[in-house]
Amino acid sequence: MNQAAIITVYGRVQGVGFRYHTRKQAEVLRITGFVQNKPDGSVYIEAEGERLDEFIQWLRIGPAWARIREVVIHPGQPAGYTEFMIR
């Protein structure tokens, strides 16, 4: 059964390849949805899939150059995404 979440990641997450690496990890875990930079310097993610908990654990660490300060997670409703995109 697919779980869904709306996630905002704060810290040094722009200009460090965060969206690219997030998409790669989503593909590995078969997570669908999207990731996008926000004007306030955070990254916004809508994600769904059976391995969502593993994906969120990865987001708490991120790629090597990122410095995660906070990950805010809200439950979401599955939207039926068929891939994981960078916006």
N, C-alpha and C. Protein backbone atom coordinates (compact mmCIF):
# COMPACT_ATOMS: atom_id res chain seq x y z
N MET A 1 0.84 -1.19 0.00
CA MET A 1 0.00 0.00 0.00
C MET A 1 0.88 1.25 0.00
N ASN A 2 0.61 2.16 -0.90
CA ASN A 2 1.40 3.38 -1.02
C ASN A 2 1.09 4.36 0.10
N GLN A 3 2.14 4.91 0.64
CA GLN A 3 2.04 6.00 1.59
C GLN A 3 2.36 7.27 0.84
N ALA A 4 1.92 8.41 1.35
CA ALA A 4 2.23 9.68 0.71
C ALA A 4 2.59 10.71 1.77
N ALA A 5 3.48 11.63 1.40
CA ALA A 5 3.88 12.68 2.34
C ALA A 5 4.26 13.94 1.58
N ILE A 6 4.07 15.05 2.26
CA ILE A 6 4.54 16.35 1.80
C ILE A 6 5.67 16.72 2.75
N ILE A 7 6.85 16.97 2.18
CA ILE A 7 8.07 17.11 2.97
C ILE A 7 8.76 18.42 2.61
N THR A 8 9.21 19.14 3.63
CA THR A 8 10.04 20.32 3.40
C THR A 8 11.35 20.10 4.13
N VAL A 9 12.46 20.30 3.42
CA VAL A 9 13.79 20.11 3.99
C VAL A 9 14.47 21.47 4.08
N TYR A 10 14.98 21.78 5.28
CA TYR A 10 15.65 23.06 5.55
C TYR A 10 17.13 22.81 5.84
N GLY A 11 17.94 23.80 5.53
CA GLY A 11 19.38 23.72 5.76
C GLY A 11 20.10 24.16 4.51
N ARG A 12 21.33 23.67 4.34
CA ARG A 12 22.06 23.95 3.09
C ARG A 12 21.66 22.86 2.10
N VAL A 13 20.58 23.13 1.37
CA VAL A 13 20.00 22.13 0.47
C VAL A 13 19.84 22.64 -0.95
N GLN A 14 20.26 23.85 -1.22
CA GLN A 14 20.23 24.37 -2.58
C GLN A 14 21.67 24.64 -3.01
N GLY A 15 21.95 24.34 -4.27
CA GLY A 15 23.30 24.54 -4.79
C GLY A 15 24.27 23.44 -4.43
N VAL A 16 23.75 22.31 -3.94
CA VAL A 16 24.61 21.19 -3.53
C VAL A 16 24.20 19.87 -4.19
N GLY A 17 23.37 19.95 -5.22
CA GLY A 17 22.92 18.74 -5.91
C GLY A 17 21.83 17.98 -5.18
N PHE A 18 21.17 18.65 -4.25
CA PHE A 18 20.17 17.96 -3.43
C PHE A 18 19.03 17.39 -4.26
N ARG A 19 18.49 18.17 -5.19
CA ARG A 19 17.36 17.67 -6.00
C ARG A 19 17.78 16.49 -6.86
N TYR A 20 18.94 16.58 -7.48
CA TYR A 20 19.44 15.48 -8.32
C TYR A 20 19.58 14.20 -7.50
N HIS A 21 20.23 14.29 -6.35
CA HIS A 21 20.45 13.10 -5.52
C HIS A 21 19.15 12.59 -4.92
N THR A 22 18.22 13.50 -4.64
CA THR A 22 16.92 13.08 -4.14
C THR A 22 16.19 12.27 -5.20
N ARG A 23 16.23 12.72 -6.44
CA ARG A 23 15.60 11.96 -7.52
C ARG A 23 16.25 10.58 -7.67
N LYS A 24 17.58 10.53 -7.61
CA LYS A 24 18.28 9.24 -7.74
C LYS A 24 17.85 8.28 -6.63
N GLN A 25 17.77 8.77 -5.39
CA GLN A 25 17.36 7.92 -4.27
C GLN A 25 15.91 7.50 -4.42
N ALA A 26 15.06 8.40 -4.89
CA ALA A 26 13.66 8.05 -5.11
C ALA A 26 13.54 6.93 -6.14
N GLU A 27 14.34 7.00 -7.20
CA GLU A 27 14.30 5.95 -8.21
C GLU A 27 14.74 4.62 -7.63
N VAL A 28 15.76 4.61 -6.79
CA VAL A 28 16.24 3.37 -6.16
C VAL A 28 15.13 2.75 -5.31
N LEU A 29 14.40 3.60 -4.58
CA LEU A 29 13.37 3.12 -3.65
C LEU A 29 11.98 3.03 -4.29
N ARG A 30 11.90 3.34 -5.58
CA ARG A 30 10.62 3.32 -6.30
C ARG A 30 9.60 4.28 -5.69
N ILE A 31 10.09 5.46 -5.37
CA ILE A 31 9.24 6.54 -4.87
C ILE A 31 8.87 7.42 -6.05
N THR A 32 7.64 7.86 -6.11
CA THR A 32 7.20 8.76 -7.16
C THR A 32 6.82 10.10 -6.54
N GLY A 33 6.79 11.15 -7.39
CA GLY A 33 6.44 12.48 -6.93
C GLY A 33 7.34 13.51 -7.57
N PHE A 34 7.71 14.55 -6.78
CA PHE A 34 8.60 15.57 -7.32
C PHE A 34 9.34 16.28 -6.20
N VAL A 35 10.40 16.98 -6.59
CA VAL A 35 11.20 17.80 -5.69
C VAL A 35 11.41 19.15 -6.37
N GLN A 36 11.36 20.23 -5.58
CA GLN A 36 11.61 21.55 -6.15
C GLN A 36 12.20 22.48 -5.10
N ASN A 37 13.02 23.42 -5.56
CA ASN A 37 13.57 24.45 -4.69
C ASN A 37 12.49 25.48 -4.40
N LYS A 38 12.54 26.04 -3.19
CA LYS A 38 11.62 27.10 -2.81
C LYS A 38 12.40 28.41 -2.63
N PRO A 39 11.74 29.55 -2.81
CA PRO A 39 12.44 30.84 -2.70
C PRO A 39 13.10 31.08 -1.34
N ASP A 40 12.60 30.44 -0.28
CA ASP A 40 13.17 30.66 1.05
C ASP A 40 14.44 29.83 1.30
N GLY A 41 14.91 29.08 0.29
CA GLY A 41 16.12 28.28 0.43
C GLY A 41 15.86 26.84 0.83
N SER A 42 14.62 26.49 1.07
CA SER A 42 14.27 25.11 1.43
C SER A 42 14.00 24.31 0.16
N VAL A 43 13.76 23.01 0.34
CA VAL A 43 13.39 22.13 -0.75
C VAL A 43 12.05 21.49 -0.38
N TYR A 44 11.12 21.51 -1.33
CA TYR A 44 9.77 20.97 -1.16
C TYR A 44 9.65 19.67 -1.94
N ILE A 45 9.07 18.65 -1.30
CA ILE A 45 8.95 17.33 -1.92
C ILE A 45 7.55 16.79 -1.71
N GLU A 46 6.96 16.28 -2.75
CA GLU A 46 5.76 15.45 -2.64
C GLU A 46 6.20 14.06 -3.06
N ALA A 47 5.97 13.09 -2.19
CA ALA A 47 6.48 11.73 -2.43
C ALA A 47 5.45 10.69 -2.04
N GLU A 48 5.45 9.59 -2.78
CA GLU A 48 4.58 8.48 -2.44
C GLU A 48 5.23 7.17 -2.86
N GLY A 49 4.94 6.13 -2.10
CA GLY A 49 5.48 4.82 -2.40
C GLY A 49 5.50 3.95 -1.16
N GLU A 50 5.75 2.67 -1.36
CA GLU A 50 5.76 1.72 -0.25
C GLU A 50 6.96 1.90 0.67
N ARG A 51 8.05 2.41 0.14
CA ARG A 51 9.28 2.55 0.94
C ARG A 51 9.52 4.00 1.36
N LEU A 52 8.43 4.71 1.62
CA LEU A 52 8.50 6.12 1.96
C LEU A 52 9.32 6.36 3.23
N ASP A 53 9.20 5.50 4.21
CA ASP A 53 9.96 5.67 5.46
C ASP A 53 11.47 5.64 5.20
N GLU A 54 11.92 4.75 4.33
CA GLU A 54 13.35 4.69 3.98
C GLU A 54 13.79 5.97 3.27
N PHE A 55 12.93 6.46 2.39
CA PHE A 55 13.21 7.70 1.66
C PHE A 55 13.36 8.87 2.63
N ILE A 56 12.47 8.96 3.59
CA ILE A 56 12.53 10.05 4.57
C ILE A 56 13.79 9.93 5.41
N GLN A 57 14.18 8.72 5.77
CA GLN A 57 15.43 8.55 6.53
C GLN A 57 16.62 9.07 5.71
N TRP A 58 16.63 8.79 4.40
CA TRP A 58 17.70 9.30 3.56
C TRP A 58 17.68 10.82 3.52
N LEU A 59 16.49 11.42 3.45
CA LEU A 59 16.38 12.88 3.40
C LEU A 59 16.97 13.53 4.66
N ARG A 60 16.92 12.88 5.78
CA ARG A 60 17.47 13.43 7.03
C ARG A 60 18.99 13.54 6.97
N ILE A 61 19.61 12.81 6.04
CA ILE A 61 21.07 12.84 5.86
C ILE A 61 21.42 13.60 4.59
N GLY A 62 20.78 13.25 3.46
CA GLY A 62 21.01 13.92 2.19
C GLY A 62 22.36 13.59 1.59
N PRO A 63 22.69 14.24 0.47
CA PRO A 63 24.00 14.02 -0.16
C PRO A 63 25.12 14.66 0.66
N ALA A 64 26.35 14.32 0.31
CA ALA A 64 27.51 14.72 1.12
C ALA A 64 27.63 16.22 1.35
N TRP A 65 27.30 17.05 0.38
CA TRP A 65 27.52 18.49 0.51
C TRP A 65 26.38 19.20 1.21
N ALA A 66 25.26 18.53 1.39
CA ALA A 66 24.12 19.14 2.07
C ALA A 66 24.33 19.15 3.58
N ARG A 67 23.70 20.09 4.24
CA ARG A 67 23.68 20.14 5.70
C ARG A 67 22.21 20.30 6.11
N ILE A 68 21.62 19.20 6.53
CA ILE A 68 20.20 19.18 6.86
C ILE A 68 20.01 19.73 8.27
N ARG A 69 19.17 20.74 8.37
CA ARG A 69 18.87 21.32 9.68
C ARG A 69 17.55 20.78 10.22
N GLU A 70 16.56 20.62 9.31
CA GLU A 70 15.24 20.18 9.75
C GLU A 70 14.49 19.55 8.57
N VAL A 71 13.72 18.51 8.87
CA VAL A 71 12.85 17.89 7.88
C VAL A 71 11.43 17.90 8.46
N VAL A 72 10.54 18.60 7.79
CA VAL A 72 9.15 18.70 8.24
C VAL A 72 8.30 17.82 7.34
N ILE A 73 7.53 16.93 7.95
CA ILE A 73 6.76 15.94 7.20
C ILE A 73 5.28 16.08 7.56
N HIS A 74 4.46 16.14 6.52
CA HIS A 74 3.01 16.15 6.70
C HIS A 74 2.44 14.98 5.90
N PRO A 75 1.44 14.28 6.44
CA PRO A 75 0.81 13.21 5.68
C PRO A 75 0.18 13.77 4.41
N GLY A 76 0.20 12.99 3.38
CA GLY A 76 -0.41 13.40 2.12
C GLY A 76 -1.32 12.31 1.59
N GLN A 77 -2.02 12.63 0.54
CA GLN A 77 -2.87 11.67 -0.15
C GLN A 77 -2.17 11.26 -1.44
N PRO A 78 -2.10 9.97 -1.74
CA PRO A 78 -1.48 9.55 -3.00
C PRO A 78 -2.13 10.27 -4.19
N ALA A 79 -1.27 10.82 -5.05
CA ALA A 79 -1.74 11.57 -6.22
C ALA A 79 -1.61 10.77 -7.51
N GLY A 80 -1.03 9.58 -7.41
CA GLY A 80 -0.89 8.75 -8.60
C GLY A 80 0.26 9.14 -9.50
N TYR A 81 1.32 9.72 -8.95
CA TYR A 81 2.50 10.05 -9.76
C TYR A 81 3.05 8.77 -10.38
N THR A 82 3.60 8.88 -11.56
CA THR A 82 4.16 7.70 -12.23
C THR A 82 5.69 7.72 -12.28
N GLU A 83 6.29 8.84 -11.88
CA GLU A 83 7.75 8.95 -11.83
C GLU A 83 8.11 9.99 -10.78
N PHE A 84 9.41 10.17 -10.57
CA PHE A 84 9.87 11.21 -9.64
C PHE A 84 10.59 12.26 -10.47
N MET A 85 10.12 13.50 -10.39
CA MET A 85 10.62 14.57 -11.25
C MET A 85 11.28 15.67 -10.43
N ILE A 86 12.20 16.36 -11.08
CA ILE A 86 12.76 17.60 -10.56
C ILE A 86 11.99 18.73 -11.21
N ARG A 87 11.50 19.63 -10.41
CA ARG A 87 10.78 20.80 -10.94
C ARG A 87 11.58 22.06 -10.69
